[in-house]
């Protein structure tokens, strides 16, 4: 019995070594994804405030021909990439961004801003800031990852009609006590 108890630490040491070896082999099989490009995709729509609430909130119509831009900076804040794409017939855009800048540095999606550039409908061309459409949104929702490509979803972004434009009024937001 004493002999079995003395061999328990040695058995535990052997078991730990086997587990470490097995974990190392499993980790070696995990692919190392470094896609050469990433894509940012989303939609551009028109919200009509003259409709009832459900139509305004949930049935915005797509705006074909709208332009969405992306600007990426390096770790020093210098612009290293700028691109854009026009929306298709369903109001969908797909901006493909290289993972390497012209200067050889990496382009990270987290250092990019996507924003509305122009509306494809002159009658619905007032910028809104829903989902950062006017101020910019960082691509952060990874929807697809493969060895050669990563895809991020942003938006949807919205324009509205001129009569629906609400001017920013700082005095309306102040409260005195």
Protein backbone atom coordinates (compact mmCIF):
# COMPACT_ATOMS: atom_id res chain seq x y z
CA UNK A 1 0.00 0.00 0.00
CA UNK A 2 2.81 2.40 0.89
CA UNK A 3 4.46 1.60 -2.41
CA UNK A 4 1.32 2.62 -4.32
CA UNK A 5 1.09 5.90 -2.40
CA UNK A 6 4.77 6.69 -3.18
CA UNK A 7 4.18 6.12 -6.92
CA UNK A 8 1.13 8.44 -7.09
CA UNK A 9 3.21 11.65 -7.56
CA UNK A 10 5.16 10.00 -10.37
CA UNK A 11 1.90 8.86 -12.00
CA UNK A 12 0.48 12.39 -11.73
CA UNK A 13 3.64 13.80 -13.32
CA UNK A 14 3.39 11.38 -16.25
CA UNK A 15 -0.33 12.19 -16.70
CA UNK A 16 0.43 15.94 -16.73
CA UNK A 17 3.16 15.47 -19.33
CA UNK A 18 0.78 13.49 -21.56
CA UNK A 19 -1.89 16.21 -21.26
CA UNK A 20 0.58 18.98 -22.10
CA UNK A 21 1.83 17.03 -25.12
CA UNK A 22 -1.73 16.37 -26.34
CA UNK A 23 -2.74 20.02 -25.86
CA UNK A 24 0.31 21.17 -27.82
CA UNK A 25 -0.55 18.87 -30.72
CA UNK A 26 -4.19 20.05 -30.72
CA UNK A 27 -3.11 23.71 -30.72
CA UNK A 28 -0.79 23.05 -33.65
CA UNK A 29 -3.77 21.94 -35.76
CA UNK A 30 -5.65 25.24 -35.30
CA UNK A 31 -5.35 27.25 -38.54
CA UNK A 32 -3.68 30.64 -38.39
CA UNK A 33 -6.07 33.00 -40.21
CA UNK A 34 -4.45 36.07 -41.77
CA UNK A 35 -6.81 37.02 -44.61
CA UNK A 36 -5.35 39.16 -47.40
CA UNK A 37 -8.52 41.29 -47.44
CA UNK A 38 -11.52 42.05 -45.31
CA UNK A 39 -14.94 43.13 -46.51
CA UNK A 40 -17.32 45.56 -44.85
CA UNK A 41 -20.94 45.10 -45.83
CA UNK A 42 -24.20 46.83 -44.93
CA UNK A 43 -27.33 48.55 -46.22
CA UNK A 44 -28.44 52.12 -46.92
CA UNK A 45 -32.14 52.93 -46.54
CA UNK A 46 -34.59 55.83 -46.58
CA UNK A 47 -36.78 56.44 -43.54
CA UNK A 48 -39.97 58.38 -44.20
CA UNK A 49 -41.25 60.12 -41.07
CA UNK A 50 -44.58 60.90 -42.74
CA UNK A 51 -45.57 57.22 -42.51
CA UNK A 52 -47.00 55.56 -39.42
CA UNK A 53 -44.54 54.43 -36.73
CA UNK A 54 -44.23 50.81 -37.92
CA UNK A 55 -43.60 51.86 -41.52
CA UNK A 56 -41.11 54.49 -40.39
CA UNK A 57 -39.23 52.20 -37.99
CA UNK A 58 -39.38 48.87 -39.80
CA UNK A 59 -40.13 49.39 -43.49
CA UNK A 60 -37.46 51.80 -44.66
CA UNK A 61 -36.84 51.37 -48.37
CA UNK A 62 -33.39 50.64 -49.83
CA UNK A 63 -31.58 53.41 -51.70
CA UNK A 64 -29.72 52.10 -54.76
CA UNK A 65 -26.75 54.18 -55.94
CA UNK A 66 -25.82 55.56 -52.52
CA UNK A 67 -22.12 55.79 -51.77
CA UNK A 68 -20.54 54.61 -48.51
CA UNK A 69 -16.90 55.30 -47.70
CA UNK A 70 -14.31 53.74 -45.41
CA UNK A 71 -11.20 55.42 -44.03
CA UNK A 72 -8.51 53.47 -42.16
CA UNK A 73 -5.65 54.89 -40.11
CA UNK A 74 -2.42 53.45 -38.74
CA UNK A 75 -1.37 53.43 -35.09
CA UNK A 76 -0.14 57.03 -35.44
CA UNK A 77 -3.49 58.27 -36.81
CA UNK A 78 -2.30 58.68 -40.41
CA UNK A 79 -4.73 57.70 -43.18
CA UNK A 80 -3.43 54.54 -44.86
CA UNK A 81 -6.51 53.54 -46.85
CA UNK A 82 -9.65 55.13 -48.23
CA UNK A 83 -12.23 53.33 -50.32
CA UNK A 84 -15.91 53.44 -51.19
CA UNK A 85 -18.69 51.46 -52.83
CA UNK A 86 -22.06 52.30 -54.33
CA UNK A 87 -25.09 50.35 -53.17
CA UNK A 88 -26.76 47.84 -55.48
CA UNK A 89 -30.48 47.63 -56.32
CA UNK A 90 -31.25 46.37 -52.80
CA UNK A 91 -29.29 49.17 -51.12
CA UNK A 92 -26.42 46.82 -50.16
CA UNK A 93 -22.74 47.81 -50.27
CA UNK A 94 -19.60 45.68 -50.03
CA UNK A 95 -16.30 47.48 -49.50
CA UNK A 96 -13.23 45.28 -49.90
CA UNK A 97 -10.19 46.48 -47.96
CA UNK A 98 -6.66 45.07 -48.30
CA UNK A 99 -5.08 43.85 -45.05
CA UNK A 100 -1.82 45.60 -45.98
CA UNK A 101 -1.40 49.32 -46.67
CA UNK A 102 0.70 50.65 -49.55
CA UNK A 103 3.48 51.39 -47.04
CA UNK A 104 3.50 47.71 -45.95
CA UNK A 105 1.79 48.27 -42.60
CA UNK A 106 -1.20 46.25 -41.43
CA UNK A 107 -4.72 47.62 -41.85
CA UNK A 108 -6.96 46.59 -38.96
CA UNK A 109 -10.74 46.83 -39.21
CA UNK A 110 -10.77 48.27 -35.69
CA UNK A 111 -8.85 51.32 -37.01
CA UNK A 112 -11.38 52.06 -39.77
CA UNK A 113 -14.50 54.23 -39.89
CA UNK A 114 -17.39 53.56 -42.27
CA UNK A 115 -19.79 56.40 -43.04
CA UNK A 116 -22.34 57.64 -45.54
CA UNK A 117 -20.91 59.69 -48.42
CA UNK A 118 -23.89 60.43 -50.70
CA UNK A 119 -27.47 59.35 -51.25
CA UNK A 120 -28.65 57.76 -54.47
CA UNK A 121 -32.03 59.47 -54.03
CA UNK A 122 -32.09 63.29 -54.14
CA UNK A 123 -35.53 63.27 -52.45
CA UNK A 124 -34.18 61.28 -49.48
CA UNK A 125 -30.75 62.75 -48.89
CA UNK A 126 -30.69 64.15 -45.35
CA UNK A 127 -28.02 62.31 -43.35
CA UNK A 128 -29.01 60.63 -40.09
CA UNK A 129 -26.61 59.29 -37.49
CA UNK A 130 -28.43 56.01 -36.89
CA UNK A 131 -25.69 53.39 -36.38
CA UNK A 132 -23.06 56.07 -36.95
CA UNK A 133 -23.96 56.70 -40.58
CA UNK A 134 -22.98 60.38 -40.39
CA UNK A 135 -20.25 60.32 -37.71
CA UNK A 136 -18.74 56.94 -38.60
CA UNK A 137 -18.90 53.38 -37.32
CA UNK A 138 -16.01 50.99 -36.64
CA UNK A 139 -16.48 47.56 -38.20
CA UNK A 140 -16.70 45.28 -35.17
CA UNK A 141 -19.35 42.65 -35.98
CA UNK A 142 -17.38 39.82 -37.60
CA UNK A 143 -19.83 37.70 -39.60
CA UNK A 144 -17.48 35.45 -41.60
CA UNK A 145 -13.87 34.32 -41.24
CA UNK A 146 -11.94 32.04 -43.57
CA UNK A 147 -8.23 31.68 -44.40
CA UNK A 148 -8.50 34.19 -47.24
CA UNK A 149 -11.23 36.62 -46.16
CA UNK A 150 -12.98 38.23 -43.20
CA UNK A 151 -16.38 39.96 -43.42
CA UNK A 152 -17.76 42.58 -41.04
CA UNK A 153 -21.35 43.87 -40.95
CA UNK A 154 -22.17 47.51 -40.21
CA UNK A 155 -25.31 49.65 -40.23
CA UNK A 156 -27.90 49.72 -41.60
CA UNK A 157 -27.46 53.40 -42.36
CA UNK A 158 -30.34 55.77 -43.04
CA UNK A 159 -31.13 58.95 -44.89
CA UNK A 160 -34.42 60.74 -44.40
CA UNK A 161 -36.63 63.28 -46.17
CA UNK A 162 -35.94 67.02 -45.83
CA UNK A 163 -39.23 67.57 -43.96
CA UNK A 164 -38.15 64.92 -41.42
CA UNK A 165 -34.86 66.64 -40.63
CA UNK A 166 -34.58 67.54 -36.96
CA UNK A 167 -32.11 70.33 -36.35
CA UNK A 168 -29.83 69.83 -33.36
CA UNK A 169 -30.96 72.27 -30.69
CA UNK A 170 -28.78 72.22 -27.60
CA UNK A 171 -31.15 74.52 -25.71
CA UNK A 172 -33.94 71.94 -25.98
CA UNK A 173 -31.80 69.46 -24.07
CA UNK A 174 -30.91 71.64 -21.12
CA UNK A 175 -32.75 71.42 -17.86
CA UNK A 176 -32.51 74.00 -15.10
CA UNK A 177 -33.10 73.06 -11.49
